C-alpha atoms as a PDB file:
ATOM      1  CA  MET A   1       7.729  -7.163 182.407  1.00  0.00           C
ATOM      2  CA  GLN A   2       8.173  -6.569 178.655  1.00  0.00           C
ATOM      3  CA  ASP A   3       5.390  -6.065 176.253  1.00  0.00           C
ATOM      4  CA  LYS A   4       5.564  -9.699 174.781  1.00  0.00           C
ATOM      5  CA  GLU A   5       5.556 -11.287 178.216  1.00  0.00           C
ATOM      6  CA  LEU A   6       2.640  -8.946 179.410  1.00  0.00           C
ATOM      7  CA  TYR A   7       0.355  -9.964 176.447  1.00  0.00           C
ATOM      8  CA  GLN A   8       1.343 -13.543 176.823  1.00  0.00           C
ATOM      9  CA  THR A   9       0.069 -13.333 180.342  1.00  0.00           C
ATOM     10  CA  ILE A  10      -3.037 -11.324 179.854  1.00  0.00           C
ATOM     11  CA  LEU A  11      -4.177 -13.240 176.796  1.00  0.00           C
ATOM     12  CA  CYS A  12      -3.807 -16.509 178.684  1.00  0.00           C
ATOM     13  CA  LEU A  13      -1.979 -18.058 175.742  1.00  0.00           C
ATOM     14  CA  ASP A  14      -1.079 -21.683 176.339  1.00  0.00           C
ATOM     15  CA  THR A  15       1.959 -23.540 175.037  1.00  0.00           C
ATOM     16  CA  PRO A  16       2.771 -23.844 172.143  1.00  0.00           C
ATOM     17  CA  TRP A  17       1.413 -20.434 171.217  1.00  0.00           C
ATOM     18  CA  GLN A  18       3.596 -17.486 172.036  1.00  0.00           C
ATOM     19  CA  VAL A  19       3.613 -13.791 171.440  1.00  0.00           C
ATOM     20  CA  ALA A  20       6.102 -12.987 168.725  1.00  0.00           C
ATOM     21  CA  ASP A  21       5.536  -9.258 168.529  1.00  0.00           C
ATOM     22  CA  VAL A  22       3.552  -6.434 169.908  1.00  0.00           C
ATOM     23  CA  LYS A  23       3.026  -3.104 167.916  1.00  0.00           C
ATOM     24  CA  LEU A  24       1.217   0.002 168.923  1.00  0.00           C
ATOM     25  CA  ASP A  25      -0.514   1.964 166.112  1.00  0.00           C
ATOM     26  CA  LEU A  26      -1.621   5.363 167.523  1.00  0.00           C
ATOM     27  CA  LYS A  27      -3.118   6.546 164.328  1.00  0.00           C
ATOM     28  CA  GLU A  28      -5.431   3.515 164.109  1.00  0.00           C
ATOM     29  CA  GLY A  29      -5.898   3.132 167.832  1.00  0.00           C
ATOM     30  CA  GLU A  30      -4.749  -0.450 167.740  1.00  0.00           C
ATOM     31  CA  ILE A  31      -2.415  -2.808 169.550  1.00  0.00           C
ATOM     32  CA  ARG A  32      -1.447  -5.575 167.121  1.00  0.00           C
ATOM     33  CA  VAL A  33      -0.259  -8.832 168.849  1.00  0.00           C
ATOM     34  CA  SER A  34       1.306 -11.311 166.535  1.00  0.00           C
ATOM     35  CA  VAL A  35       1.136 -14.981 167.669  1.00  0.00           C
ATOM     36  CA  GLU A  36       3.040 -18.004 166.492  1.00  0.00           C
ATOM     37  CA  HIS A  37       4.036 -21.607 167.341  1.00  0.00           C
ATOM     38  CA  PRO A  38       7.389 -23.249 167.269  1.00  0.00           C
ATOM     39  CA  ARG A  39       8.287 -25.903 164.582  1.00  0.00           C
ATOM     40  CA  GLY A  40       7.536 -29.434 165.329  1.00  0.00           C
ATOM     41  CA  VAL A  41       4.435 -28.991 167.491  1.00  0.00           C
ATOM     42  CA  LYS A  42       1.801 -31.685 167.027  1.00  0.00           C
ATOM     43  CA  PHE A  43      -1.692 -30.699 166.337  1.00  0.00           C
ATOM     44  CA  TYR A  44      -4.800 -32.842 166.084  1.00  0.00           C
ATOM     45  CA  CYS A  45      -7.400 -33.264 163.481  1.00  0.00           C
ATOM     46  CA  PRO A  46     -10.619 -31.395 164.506  1.00  0.00           C
ATOM     47  CA  GLU A  47     -12.742 -34.157 163.087  1.00  0.00           C
ATOM     48  CA  CYS A  48     -11.168 -37.407 164.368  1.00  0.00           C
ATOM     49  CA  GLY A  49      -8.732 -36.287 166.989  1.00  0.00           C
ATOM     50  CA  CYS A  50      -5.564 -38.093 165.631  1.00  0.00           C
ATOM     51  CA  SER A  51      -2.201 -36.338 166.313  1.00  0.00           C
ATOM     52  CA  LEU A  52      -0.582 -34.829 163.208  1.00  0.00           C
ATOM     53  CA  SER A  53       2.301 -32.558 162.270  1.00  0.00           C
ATOM     54  CA  CYS A  54       1.737 -29.160 160.765  1.00  0.00           C
ATOM     55  CA  PHE A  55       2.736 -29.079 157.042  1.00  0.00           C
ATOM     56  CA  ASP A  56       1.525 -25.556 156.101  1.00  0.00           C
ATOM     57  CA  HIS A  57      -0.325 -22.539 157.302  1.00  0.00           C
ATOM     58  CA  GLY A  58      -3.302 -20.654 156.030  1.00  0.00           C
ATOM     59  CA  GLU A  59      -3.263 -16.956 155.193  1.00  0.00           C
ATOM     60  CA  GLU A  60      -2.599 -14.564 158.073  1.00  0.00           C
ATOM     61  CA  ARG A  61      -5.866 -13.976 159.984  1.00  0.00           C
ATOM     62  CA  ARG A  62      -6.815 -11.272 162.494  1.00  0.00           C
ATOM     63  CA  TRP A  63      -9.144 -11.459 165.417  1.00  0.00           C
ATOM     64  CA  ARG A  64     -10.332  -8.604 167.587  1.00  0.00           C
ATOM     65  CA  HIS A  65      -9.822  -9.292 171.344  1.00  0.00           C
ATOM     66  CA  LEU A  66     -10.937  -7.251 174.360  1.00  0.00           C
ATOM     67  CA  ASP A  67      -9.673  -3.692 174.306  1.00  0.00           C
ATOM     68  CA  SER A  68      -6.430  -2.686 176.092  1.00  0.00           C
ATOM     69  CA  CYS A  69      -7.463   0.468 177.755  1.00  0.00           C
ATOM     70  CA  GLN A  70      -8.606   2.718 174.893  1.00  0.00           C
ATOM     71  CA  PHE A  71      -6.946   0.665 172.154  1.00  0.00           C
ATOM     72  CA  LYS A  72      -8.399  -2.140 170.104  1.00  0.00           C
ATOM     73  CA  THR A  73      -6.493  -5.314 170.585  1.00  0.00           C
ATOM     74  CA  ILE A  74      -5.935  -7.336 167.354  1.00  0.00           C
ATOM     75  CA  LEU A  75      -4.522 -10.806 167.501  1.00  0.00           C
ATOM     76  CA  ILE A  76      -2.657 -11.916 164.307  1.00  0.00           C
ATOM     77  CA  ALA A  77      -1.647 -15.478 163.393  1.00  0.00           C
ATOM     78  CA  LYS A  78      -1.431 -17.969 160.627  1.00  0.00           C
ATOM     79  CA  VAL A  79      -3.612 -20.942 161.293  1.00  0.00           C
ATOM     80  CA  PRO A  80      -1.787 -24.297 161.036  1.00  0.00           C
ATOM     81  CA  ARG A  81      -2.896 -26.918 158.461  1.00  0.00           C
ATOM     82  CA  VAL A  82      -2.606 -30.670 158.827  1.00  0.00           C
ATOM     83  CA  LYS A  83      -3.338 -33.608 156.451  1.00  0.00           C
ATOM     84  CA  CYS A  84      -5.463 -36.212 158.032  1.00  0.00           C
ATOM     85  CA  LEU A  85      -5.003 -39.643 156.589  1.00  0.00           C
ATOM     86  CA  GLU A  86      -8.102 -40.953 158.188  1.00  0.00           C
ATOM     87  CA  GLN A  87     -10.338 -38.111 156.874  1.00  0.00           C
ATOM     88  CA  GLY A  88      -8.239 -37.931 153.631  1.00  0.00           C
ATOM     89  CA  GLN A  89      -8.437 -34.151 153.712  1.00  0.00           C
ATOM     90  CA  ASP A  90      -6.390 -31.090 154.624  1.00  0.00           C
ATOM     91  CA  ARG A  91      -7.645 -29.544 157.790  1.00  0.00           C
ATOM     92  CA  PHE A  92      -7.184 -26.033 159.459  1.00  0.00           C
ATOM     93  CA  CYS A  93      -6.628 -26.532 163.207  1.00  0.00           C
ATOM     94  CA  PRO A  94      -8.236 -23.980 165.565  1.00  0.00           C
ATOM     95  CA  MET A  95      -5.967 -22.144 167.929  1.00  0.00           C
ATOM     96  CA  GLY A  96      -6.628 -24.714 170.726  1.00  0.00           C
ATOM     97  CA  CYS A  97      -5.962 -28.090 169.027  1.00  0.00           C
ATOM     98  CA  TRP A  98      -2.527 -28.997 169.836  1.00  0.00           C
ATOM     99  CA  LYS A  99      -0.990 -31.905 171.879  1.00  0.00           C
END
């Protein structure tokens, strides 16, 4: 099992999210796991629930996950943004709001 496949499994990432890269930084004591989704995935508005296409992403964000042995595990991703016509606003979609 390779590092990407290992972290995909132990982080319980659901489709469409997938591990794009895993880097070990011994100096900082971190494992950095970059996560992304493929083009064309439908997300839903967190307010009204209508299905929408991603048109943009926010800045890269980092989240601390449970440690991997003695290393801090850091998840890295750009959060997708959708434009909801019903709400009339741009919305950032949490990691779990896809269809």
